[in-house]
Amino acid sequence: MDESALKEGGVFEFTKDEYRIYPVDQPVDLINRNWEALARVVVVEMTCANKKTCGKYKVVKMYGEEERKILTKYWQEIVEIKKRQKIDDFFDVKVS
């Protein structure tokens, strides 16, 4: 994902490995590979095939610096609780 291209109102494509379920037409947080909150988005289209999930999302709100800090802390704490350990580097940490 090119974070610098994100903008409110923009529609972007995504592809994830494995089959995943995302709520369509419901706002969710967009999180990067470091578990940092970037924006509020709405998934507008989603398909699952060939062990991949593909779709499109629309950015409905870009988070400001303070919102990013608060929501990033929230999501990183969730990951640590799920993993049952303190994590220093969140890059590419997977949660199932």
PDB file of N, CA and C in Angstrom:
ATOM      1  N   MET A   1       0.843  -1.172   0.000  1.00  0.00           N
ATOM      2  CA  MET A   1       0.000   0.000   0.000  1.00  0.00           C
ATOM      3  C   MET A   1       0.891   1.238   0.000  1.00  0.00           C
ATOM      4  N   ASP A   2       0.590   2.137  -0.876  1.00  0.00           N
ATOM      5  CA  ASP A   2       1.314   3.402  -0.946  1.00  0.00           C
ATOM      6  C   ASP A   2       0.593   4.408  -0.049  1.00  0.00           C
ATOM      7  N   GLU A   3       1.073   4.546   1.182  1.00  0.00           N
ATOM      8  CA  GLU A   3       0.413   5.424   2.157  1.00  0.00           C
ATOM      9  C   GLU A   3       0.354   6.869   1.692  1.00  0.00           C
ATOM     10  N   SER A   4       1.339   7.298   0.931  1.00  0.00           N
ATOM     11  CA  SER A   4       1.364   8.691   0.479  1.00  0.00           C
ATOM     12  C   SER A   4       0.243   8.984  -0.523  1.00  0.00           C
ATOM     13  N   ALA A   5      -0.312   7.941  -1.145  1.00  0.00           N
ATOM     14  CA  ALA A   5      -1.392   8.138  -2.123  1.00  0.00           C
ATOM     15  C   ALA A   5      -2.768   8.221  -1.469  1.00  0.00           C
ATOM     16  N   LEU A   6      -2.862   7.838  -0.204  1.00  0.00           N
ATOM     17  CA  LEU A   6      -4.158   7.848   0.476  1.00  0.00           C
ATOM     18  C   LEU A   6      -4.703   9.263   0.587  1.00  0.00           C
ATOM     19  N   LYS A   7      -6.004   9.403   0.308  1.00  0.00           N
ATOM     20  CA  LYS A   7      -6.661  10.699   0.463  1.00  0.00           C
ATOM     21  C   LYS A   7      -8.148  10.448   0.670  1.00  0.00           C
ATOM     22  N   GLU A   8      -8.782  11.352   1.392  1.00  0.00           N
ATOM     23  CA  GLU A   8     -10.213  11.225   1.633  1.00  0.00           C
ATOM     24  C   GLU A   8     -10.956  11.220   0.309  1.00  0.00           C
ATOM     25  N   GLY A   9     -11.883  10.291   0.178  1.00  0.00           N
ATOM     26  CA  GLY A   9     -12.663  10.159  -1.041  1.00  0.00           C
ATOM     27  C   GLY A   9     -12.037   9.230  -2.065  1.00  0.00           C
ATOM     28  N   GLY A  10     -10.759   8.909  -1.884  1.00  0.00           N
ATOM     29  CA  GLY A  10     -10.080   8.025  -2.833  1.00  0.00           C
ATOM     30  C   GLY A  10     -10.546   6.589  -2.704  1.00  0.00           C
ATOM     31  N   VAL A  11     -10.574   5.882  -3.823  1.00  0.00           N
ATOM     32  CA  VAL A  11     -10.924   4.466  -3.849  1.00  0.00           C
ATOM     33  C   VAL A  11      -9.678   3.692  -4.267  1.00  0.00           C
ATOM     34  N   PHE A  12      -9.348   2.659  -3.501  1.00  0.00           N
ATOM     35  CA  PHE A  12      -8.109   1.915  -3.711  1.00  0.00           C
ATOM     36  C   PHE A  12      -8.392   0.420  -3.723  1.00  0.00           C
ATOM     37  N   GLU A  13      -7.571  -0.323  -4.434  1.00  0.00           N
ATOM     38  CA  GLU A  13      -7.689  -1.776  -4.490  1.00  0.00           C
ATOM     39  C   GLU A  13      -6.799  -2.413  -3.435  1.00  0.00           C
ATOM     40  N   PHE A  14      -7.202  -3.601  -2.977  1.00  0.00           N
ATOM     41  CA  PHE A  14      -6.375  -4.352  -2.040  1.00  0.00           C
ATOM     42  C   PHE A  14      -6.405  -5.827  -2.398  1.00  0.00           C
ATOM     43  N   THR A  15      -5.329  -6.517  -2.026  1.00  0.00           N
ATOM     44  CA  THR A  15      -5.223  -7.968  -2.156  1.00  0.00           C
ATOM     45  C   THR A  15      -4.552  -8.493  -0.908  1.00  0.00           C
ATOM     46  N   LYS A  16      -5.133  -9.504  -0.318  1.00  0.00           N
ATOM     47  CA  LYS A  16      -4.571 -10.136   0.874  1.00  0.00           C
ATOM     48  C   LYS A  16      -4.459 -11.635   0.614  1.00  0.00           C
ATOM     49  N   ASP A  17      -3.411 -12.250   1.143  1.00  0.00           N
ATOM     50  CA  ASP A  17      -3.278 -13.697   1.060  1.00  0.00           C
ATOM     51  C   ASP A  17      -4.338 -14.345   1.945  1.00  0.00           C
ATOM     52  N   GLU A  18      -4.763 -15.528   1.562  1.00  0.00           N
ATOM     53  CA  GLU A  18      -5.766 -16.311   2.280  1.00  0.00           C
ATOM     54  C   GLU A  18      -7.159 -15.694   2.137  1.00  0.00           C
ATOM     55  N   TYR A  19      -8.133 -16.421   2.607  1.00  0.00           N
ATOM     56  CA  TYR A  19      -9.507 -15.939   2.579  1.00  0.00           C
ATOM     57  C   TYR A  19      -9.779 -15.129   3.836  1.00  0.00           C
ATOM     58  N   ARG A  20     -10.358 -13.967   3.662  1.00  0.00           N
ATOM     59  CA  ARG A  20     -10.672 -13.086   4.780  1.00  0.00           C
ATOM     60  C   ARG A  20     -12.073 -12.545   4.590  1.00  0.00           C
ATOM     61  N   ILE A  21     -12.652 -12.149   5.697  1.00  0.00           N
ATOM     62  CA  ILE A  21     -13.988 -11.553   5.656  1.00  0.00           C
ATOM     63  C   ILE A  21     -13.861 -10.122   6.161  1.00  0.00           C
ATOM     64  N   TYR A  22     -14.334  -9.179   5.384  1.00  0.00           N
ATOM     65  CA  TYR A  22     -14.366  -7.776   5.779  1.00  0.00           C
ATOM     66  C   TYR A  22     -15.815  -7.305   5.697  1.00  0.00           C
ATOM     67  N   PRO A  23     -16.232  -6.473   6.624  1.00  0.00           N
ATOM     68  CA  PRO A  23     -17.598  -5.946   6.521  1.00  0.00           C
ATOM     69  C   PRO A  23     -17.695  -4.966   5.349  1.00  0.00           C
ATOM     70  N   VAL A  24     -18.641  -5.208   4.469  1.00  0.00           N
ATOM     71  CA  VAL A  24     -18.846  -4.339   3.314  1.00  0.00           C
ATOM     72  C   VAL A  24     -19.798  -3.220   3.716  1.00  0.00           C
ATOM     73  N   ASP A  25     -19.485  -2.008   3.282  1.00  0.00           N
ATOM     74  CA  ASP A  25     -20.292  -0.813   3.571  1.00  0.00           C
ATOM     75  C   ASP A  25     -20.341  -0.455   5.057  1.00  0.00           C
ATOM     76  N   GLN A  26     -19.327  -0.865   5.810  1.00  0.00           N
ATOM     77  CA  GLN A  26     -19.215  -0.511   7.228  1.00  0.00           C
ATOM     78  C   GLN A  26     -17.834   0.089   7.473  1.00  0.00           C
ATOM     79  N   PRO A  27     -17.744   1.165   8.231  1.00  0.00           N
ATOM     80  CA  PRO A  27     -16.431   1.773   8.468  1.00  0.00           C
ATOM     81  C   PRO A  27     -15.526   0.888   9.327  1.00  0.00           C
ATOM     82  N   VAL A  28     -14.257   0.797   8.914  1.00  0.00           N
ATOM     83  CA  VAL A  28     -13.224   0.056   9.650  1.00  0.00           C
ATOM     84  C   VAL A  28     -11.933   0.873   9.607  1.00  0.00           C
ATOM     85  N   ASP A  29     -11.026   0.580  10.525  1.00  0.00           N
ATOM     86  CA  ASP A  29      -9.725   1.249  10.529  1.00  0.00           C
ATOM     87  C   ASP A  29      -8.808   0.603   9.505  1.00  0.00           C
ATOM     88  N   LEU A  30      -8.078   1.426   8.774  1.00  0.00           N
ATOM     89  CA  LEU A  30      -7.043   0.951   7.861  1.00  0.00           C
ATOM     90  C   LEU A  30      -5.730   0.955   8.632  1.00  0.00           C
ATOM     91  N   ILE A  31      -5.118  -0.208   8.740  1.00  0.00           N
ATOM     92  CA  ILE A  31      -3.905  -0.400   9.524  1.00  0.00           C
ATOM     93  C   ILE A  31      -2.779  -0.829   8.579  1.00  0.00           C
ATOM     94  N   ASN A  32      -1.581  -0.258   8.748  1.00  0.00           N
ATOM     95  CA  ASN A  32      -0.460  -0.675   7.902  1.00  0.00           C
ATOM     96  C   ASN A  32       0.271  -1.874   8.511  1.00  0.00           C
ATOM     97  N   ARG A  33       1.361  -2.281   7.910  1.00  0.00           N
ATOM     98  CA  ARG A  33       2.099  -3.478   8.353  1.00  0.00           C
ATOM     99  C   ARG A  33       2.746  -3.318   9.723  1.00  0.00           C
ATOM    100  N   ASN A  34       2.838  -2.086  10.212  1.00  0.00           N
ATOM    101  CA  ASN A  34       3.374  -1.823  11.555  1.00  0.00           C
ATOM    102  C   ASN A  34       2.263  -1.692  12.588  1.00  0.00           C
ATOM    103  N   TRP A  35       1.045  -2.006  12.198  1.00  0.00           N
ATOM    104  CA  TRP A  35      -0.119  -1.871  13.061  1.00  0.00           C
ATOM    105  C   TRP A  35      -0.346  -0.422  13.462  1.00  0.00           C
ATOM    106  N   GLU A  36      -0.080   0.483  12.541  1.00  0.00           N
ATOM    107  CA  GLU A  36      -0.338   1.906  12.732  1.00  0.00           C
ATOM    108  C   GLU A  36      -1.648   2.262  12.029  1.00  0.00           C
ATOM    109  N   ALA A  37      -2.537   2.952  12.739  1.00  0.00           N
ATOM    110  CA  ALA A  37      -3.817   3.358  12.165  1.00  0.00           C
ATOM    111  C   ALA A  37      -3.597   4.529  11.214  1.00  0.00           C
ATOM    112  N   LEU A  38      -4.132   4.428  10.019  1.00  0.00           N
ATOM    113  CA  LEU A  38      -3.939   5.462   9.006  1.00  0.00           C
ATOM    114  C   LEU A  38      -5.212   6.239   8.696  1.00  0.00           C
ATOM    115  N   ALA A  39      -6.325   5.508   8.584  1.00  0.00           N
ATOM    116  CA  ALA A  39      -7.548   6.135   8.094  1.00  0.00           C
ATOM    117  C   ALA A  39      -8.758   5.283   8.451  1.00  0.00           C
ATOM    118  N   ARG A  40      -9.927   5.885   8.298  1.00  0.00           N
ATOM    119  CA  ARG A  40     -11.187   5.148   8.380  1.00  0.00           C
ATOM    120  C   ARG A  40     -11.604   4.895   6.944  1.00  0.00           C
ATOM    121  N   VAL A  41     -11.918   3.633   6.630  1.00  0.00           N
ATOM    122  CA  VAL A  41     -12.279   3.267   5.270  1.00  0.00           C
ATOM    123  C   VAL A  41     -13.564   2.444   5.275  1.00  0.00           C
ATOM    124  N   VAL A  42     -14.163   2.348   4.097  1.00  0.00           N
ATOM    125  CA  VAL A  42     -15.324   1.494   3.882  1.00  0.00           C
ATOM    126  C   VAL A  42     -14.988   0.560   2.729  1.00  0.00           C
ATOM    127  N   VAL A  43     -15.068  -0.745   2.979  1.00  0.00           N
ATOM    128  CA  VAL A  43     -14.868  -1.721   1.907  1.00  0.00           C
ATOM    129  C   VAL A  43     -16.116  -1.673   1.027  1.00  0.00           C
ATOM    130  N   VAL A  44     -15.906  -1.422  -0.256  1.00  0.00           N
ATOM    131  CA  VAL A  44     -17.038  -1.283  -1.169  1.00  0.00           C
ATOM    132  C   VAL A  44     -17.209  -2.498  -2.074  1.00  0.00           C
ATOM    133  N   GLU A  45     -16.193  -3.364  -2.096  1.00  0.00           N
ATOM    134  CA  GLU A  45     -16.241  -4.546  -2.967  1.00  0.00           C
ATOM    135  C   GLU A  45     -15.244  -5.558  -2.443  1.00  0.00           C
ATOM    136  N   MET A  46     -15.635  -6.848  -2.448  1.00  0.00           N
ATOM    137  CA  MET A  46     -14.724  -7.876  -1.956  1.00  0.00           C
ATOM    138  C   MET A  46     -15.058  -9.218  -2.602  1.00  0.00           C
ATOM    139  N   THR A  47     -14.011  -9.946  -3.007  1.00  0.00           N
ATOM    140  CA  THR A  47     -14.180 -11.297  -3.536  1.00  0.00           C
ATOM    141  C   THR A  47     -13.081 -12.188  -2.971  1.00  0.00           C
ATOM    142  N   CYS A  48     -13.380 -13.464  -2.846  1.00  0.00           N
ATOM    143  CA  CYS A  48     -12.410 -14.449  -2.386  1.00  0.00           C
ATOM    144  C   CYS A  48     -12.296 -15.546  -3.440  1.00  0.00           C
ATOM    145  N   ALA A  49     -11.078 -15.811  -3.879  1.00  0.00           N
ATOM    146  CA  ALA A  49     -10.832 -16.868  -4.851  1.00  0.00           C
ATOM    147  C   ALA A  49      -9.344 -17.192  -4.869  1.00  0.00           C
ATOM    148  N   ASN A  50      -9.026 -18.432  -5.176  1.00  0.00           N
ATOM    149  CA  ASN A  50      -7.630 -18.860  -5.324  1.00  0.00           C
ATOM    150  C   ASN A  50      -6.773 -18.503  -4.115  1.00  0.00           C
ATOM    151  N   LYS A  51      -7.320 -18.690  -2.910  1.00  0.00           N
ATOM    152  CA  LYS A  51      -6.623 -18.406  -1.656  1.00  0.00           C
ATOM    153  C   LYS A  51      -6.185 -16.951  -1.526  1.00  0.00           C
ATOM    154  N   LYS A  52      -6.964 -16.051  -2.122  1.00  0.00           N
ATOM    155  CA  LYS A  52      -6.710 -14.606  -2.027  1.00  0.00           C
ATOM    156  C   LYS A  52      -8.030 -13.904  -1.771  1.00  0.00           C
ATOM    157  N   THR A  53      -7.940 -12.755  -1.122  1.00  0.00           N
ATOM    158  CA  THR A  53      -9.083 -11.864  -0.950  1.00  0.00           C
ATOM    159  C   THR A  53      -8.726 -10.555  -1.634  1.00  0.00           C
ATOM    160  N   CYS A  54      -9.576 -10.126  -2.546  1.00  0.00           N
ATOM    161  CA  CYS A  54      -9.344  -8.897  -3.295  1.00  0.00           C
ATOM    162  C   CYS A  54     -10.559  -7.996  -3.154  1.00  0.00           C
ATOM    163  N   GLY A  55     -10.323  -6.711  -3.301  1.00  0.00           N
ATOM    164  CA  GLY A  55     -11.451  -5.802  -3.243  1.00  0.00           C
ATOM    165  C   GLY A  55     -11.040  -4.360  -3.412  1.00  0.00           C
ATOM    166  N   LYS A  56     -11.992  -3.490  -3.082  1.00  0.00           N
ATOM    167  CA  LYS A  56     -11.765  -2.051  -3.135  1.00  0.00           C
ATOM    168  C   LYS A  56     -12.290  -1.426  -1.853  1.00  0.00           C
ATOM    169  N   TYR A  57     -11.611  -0.359  -1.427  1.00  0.00           N
ATOM    170  CA  TYR A  57     -12.074   0.393  -0.266  1.00  0.00           C
ATOM    171  C   TYR A  57     -12.022   1.878  -0.577  1.00  0.00           C
ATOM    172  N   LYS A  58     -12.906   2.611   0.089  1.00  0.00           N
ATOM    173  CA  LYS A  58     -12.947   4.064  -0.061  1.00  0.00           C
ATOM    174  C   LYS A  58     -12.518   4.691   1.261  1.00  0.00           C
ATOM    175  N   VAL A  59     -11.616   5.659   1.181  1.00  0.00           N
ATOM    176  CA  VAL A  59     -11.164   6.380   2.375  1.00  0.00           C
ATOM    177  C   VAL A  59     -12.217   7.430   2.727  1.00  0.00           C
ATOM    178  N   VAL A  60     -12.795   7.298   3.923  1.00  0.00           N
ATOM    179  CA  VAL A  60     -13.807   8.262   4.336  1.00  0.00           C
ATOM    180  C   VAL A  60     -13.249   9.294   5.318  1.00  0.00           C
ATOM    181  N   LYS A  61     -12.097   8.972   5.936  1.00  0.00           N
ATOM    182  CA  LYS A  61     -11.465   9.920   6.857  1.00  0.00           C
ATOM    183  C   LYS A  61      -9.996   9.578   7.030  1.00  0.00           C
ATOM    184  N   MET A  62      -9.141  10.562   6.822  1.00  0.00           N
ATOM    185  CA  MET A  62      -7.724  10.400   7.135  1.00  0.00           C
ATOM    186  C   MET A  62      -7.536  10.805   8.594  1.00  0.00           C
ATOM    187  N   TYR A  63      -6.811  10.003   9.342  1.00  0.00           N
ATOM    188  CA  TYR A  63      -6.587  10.329  10.744  1.00  0.00           C
ATOM    189  C   TYR A  63      -5.520  11.399  10.900  1.00  0.00           C
ATOM    190  N   GLY A  64      -5.774  12.346  11.792  1.00  0.00           N
ATOM    191  CA  GLY A  64      -4.782  13.335  12.164  1.00  0.00           C
ATOM    192  C   GLY A  64      -3.751  12.697  13.081  1.00  0.00           C
ATOM    193  N   GLU A  65      -2.713  13.431  13.375  1.00  0.00           N
ATOM    194  CA  GLU A  65      -1.600  12.902  14.171  1.00  0.00           C
ATOM    195  C   GLU A  65      -2.054  12.344  15.521  1.00  0.00           C
ATOM    196  N   GLU A  66      -2.882  13.083  16.241  1.00  0.00           N
ATOM    197  CA  GLU A  66      -3.325  12.638  17.572  1.00  0.00           C
ATOM    198  C   GLU A  66      -4.196  11.383  17.474  1.00  0.00           C
ATOM    199  N   GLU A  67      -5.113  11.359  16.509  1.00  0.00           N
ATOM    200  CA  GLU A  67      -5.952  10.170  16.313  1.00  0.00           C
ATOM    201  C   GLU A  67      -5.099   8.958  15.962  1.00  0.00           C
ATOM    202  N   ARG A  68      -4.117   9.172  15.106  1.00  0.00           N
ATOM    203  CA  ARG A  68      -3.220   8.070  14.728  1.00  0.00           C
ATOM    204  C   ARG A  68      -2.517   7.493  15.943  1.00  0.00           C
ATOM    205  N   LYS A  69      -1.996   8.365  16.813  1.00  0.00           N
ATOM    206  CA  LYS A  69      -1.286   7.893  18.008  1.00  0.00           C
ATOM    207  C   LYS A  69      -2.199   7.063  18.896  1.00  0.00           C
ATOM    208  N   ILE A  70      -3.389   7.578  19.156  1.00  0.00           N
ATOM    209  CA  ILE A  70      -4.332   6.897  20.048  1.00  0.00           C
ATOM    210  C   ILE A  70      -4.763   5.554  19.460  1.00  0.00           C
ATOM    211  N   LEU A  71      -5.173   5.558  18.184  1.00  0.00           N
ATOM    212  CA  LEU A  71      -5.645   4.322  17.563  1.00  0.00           C
ATOM    213  C   LEU A  71      -4.524   3.323  17.325  1.00  0.00           C
ATOM    214  N   THR A  72      -3.327   3.797  17.023  1.00  0.00           N
ATOM    215  CA  THR A  72      -2.187   2.897  16.863  1.00  0.00           C
ATOM    216  C   THR A  72      -1.896   2.194  18.185  1.00  0.00           C
ATOM    217  N   LYS A  73      -1.900   2.946  19.263  1.00  0.00           N
ATOM    218  CA  LYS A  73      -1.674   2.338  20.583  1.00  0.00           C
ATOM    219  C   LYS A  73      -2.737   1.280  20.861  1.00  0.00           C
ATOM    220  N   TYR A  74      -3.980   1.604  20.553  1.00  0.00           N
ATOM    221  CA  TYR A  74      -5.085   0.666  20.750  1.00  0.00           C
ATOM    222  C   TYR A  74      -4.840  -0.634  19.982  1.00  0.00           C
ATOM    223  N   TRP A  75      -4.558  -0.526  18.676  1.00  0.00           N
ATOM    224  CA  TRP A  75      -4.374  -1.720  17.862  1.00  0.00           C
ATOM    225  C   TRP A  75      -3.136  -2.515  18.259  1.00  0.00           C
ATOM    226  N   GLN A  76      -2.047  -1.829  18.609  1.00  0.00           N
ATOM    227  CA  GLN A  76      -0.842  -2.548  19.024  1.00  0.00           C
ATOM    228  C   GLN A  76      -1.057  -3.264  20.354  1.00  0.00           C
ATOM    229  N   GLU A  77      -1.842  -2.671  21.259  1.00  0.00           N
ATOM    230  CA  GLU A  77      -2.174  -3.356  22.509  1.00  0.00           C
ATOM    231  C   GLU A  77      -3.014  -4.604  22.245  1.00  0.00           C
ATOM    232  N   ILE A  78      -3.939  -4.523  21.307  1.00  0.00           N
ATOM    233  CA  ILE A  78      -4.749  -5.685  20.936  1.00  0.00           C
ATOM    234  C   ILE A  78      -3.850  -6.824  20.440  1.00  0.00           C
ATOM    235  N   VAL A  79      -2.866  -6.488  19.619  1.00  0.00           N
ATOM    236  CA  VAL A  79      -1.941  -7.495  19.093  1.00  0.00           C
ATOM    237  C   VAL A  79      -1.155  -8.129  20.233  1.00  0.00           C
ATOM    238  N   GLU A  80      -0.653  -7.334  21.156  1.00  0.00           N
ATOM    239  CA  GLU A  80       0.107  -7.878  22.287  1.00  0.00           C
ATOM    240  C   GLU A  80      -0.761  -8.777  23.159  1.00  0.00           C
ATOM    241  N   ILE A  81      -1.999  -8.397  23.377  1.00  0.00           N
ATOM    242  CA  ILE A  81      -2.912  -9.241  24.161  1.00  0.00           C
ATOM    243  C   ILE A  81      -3.132 -10.564  23.437  1.00  0.00           C
ATOM    244  N   LYS A  82      -3.390 -10.490  22.145  1.00  0.00           N
ATOM    245  CA  LYS A  82      -3.627 -11.694  21.350  1.00  0.00           C
ATOM    246  C   LYS A  82      -2.397 -12.599  21.338  1.00  0.00           C
ATOM    247  N   LYS A  83      -1.214 -12.001  21.211  1.00  0.00           N
ATOM    248  CA  LYS A  83       0.041 -12.768  21.164  1.00  0.00           C
ATOM    249  C   LYS A  83       0.537 -13.163  22.560  1.00  0.00           C
ATOM    250  N   ARG A  84      -0.023 -12.528  23.593  1.00  0.00           N
ATOM    251  CA  ARG A  84       0.377 -12.781  24.990  1.00  0.00           C
ATOM    252  C   ARG A  84       1.855 -12.494  25.231  1.00  0.00           C
ATOM    253  N   GLN A  85       2.312 -11.386  24.626  1.00  0.00           N
ATOM    254  CA  GLN A  85       3.704 -10.981  24.827  1.00  0.00           C
ATOM    255  C   GLN A  85       3.890  -9.523  24.452  1.00  0.00           C
ATOM    256  N   LYS A  86       4.906  -8.898  25.009  1.00  0.00           N
ATOM    257  CA  LYS A  86       5.295  -7.539  24.656  1.00  0.00           C
ATOM    258  C   LYS A  86       5.995  -7.599  23.311  1.00  0.00           C
ATOM    259  N   ILE A  87       5.645  -6.684  22.418  1.00  0.00           N
ATOM    260  CA  ILE A  87       6.241  -6.666  21.078  1.00  0.00           C
ATOM    261  C   ILE A  87       6.934  -5.326  20.872  1.00  0.00           C
ATOM    262  N   ASP A  88       8.199  -5.377  20.486  1.00  0.00           N
ATOM    263  CA  ASP A  88       8.967  -4.156  20.243  1.00  0.00           C
ATOM    264  C   ASP A  88       8.890  -3.699  18.799  1.00  0.00           C
ATOM    265  N   ASP A  89       8.807  -4.640  17.873  1.00  0.00           N
ATOM    266  CA  ASP A  89       8.757  -4.314  16.452  1.00  0.00           C
ATOM    267  C   ASP A  89       7.516  -4.970  15.855  1.00  0.00           C
ATOM    268  N   PHE A  90       6.534  -4.175  15.480  1.00  0.00           N
ATOM    269  CA  PHE A  90       5.266  -4.690  14.991  1.00  0.00           C
ATOM    270  C   PHE A  90       5.273  -4.989  13.492  1.00  0.00           C
ATOM    271  N   PHE A  91       6.365  -4.695  12.800  1.00  0.00           N
ATOM    272  CA  PHE A  91       6.395  -4.888  11.358  1.00  0.00           C
ATOM    273  C   PHE A  91       6.065  -6.324  10.994  1.00  0.00           C
ATOM    274  N   ASP A  92       5.026  -6.491  10.219  1.00  0.00           N
ATOM    275  CA  ASP A  92       4.608  -7.781   9.672  1.00  0.00           C
ATOM    276  C   ASP A  92       4.175  -8.806  10.721  1.00  0.00           C
ATOM    277  N   VAL A  93       3.822  -8.366  11.925  1.00  0.00           N
ATOM    278  CA  VAL A  93       3.305  -9.292  12.930  1.00  0.00           C
ATOM    279  C   VAL A  93       1.930  -9.759  12.464  1.00  0.00           C
ATOM    280  N   LYS A  94       1.728 -11.059  12.435  1.00  0.00           N
ATOM    281  CA  LYS A  94       0.467 -11.634  11.987  1.00  0.00           C
ATOM    282  C   LYS A  94      -0.357 -12.069  13.206  1.00  0.00           C
ATOM    283  N   VAL A  95      -1.658 -11.847  13.126  1.00  0.00           N
ATOM    284  CA  VAL A  95      -2.575 -12.286  14.172  1.00  0.00           C
ATOM    285  C   VAL A  95      -3.654 -13.120  13.500  1.00  0.00           C
ATOM    286  N   SER A  96      -3.913 -14.279  14.048  1.00  0.00           N
ATOM    287  CA  SER A  96      -4.959 -15.119  13.456  1.00  0.00           C
ATOM    288  C   SER A  96      -6.041 -15.420  14.454  1.00  0.00           C
TER     289      SER A  96
END
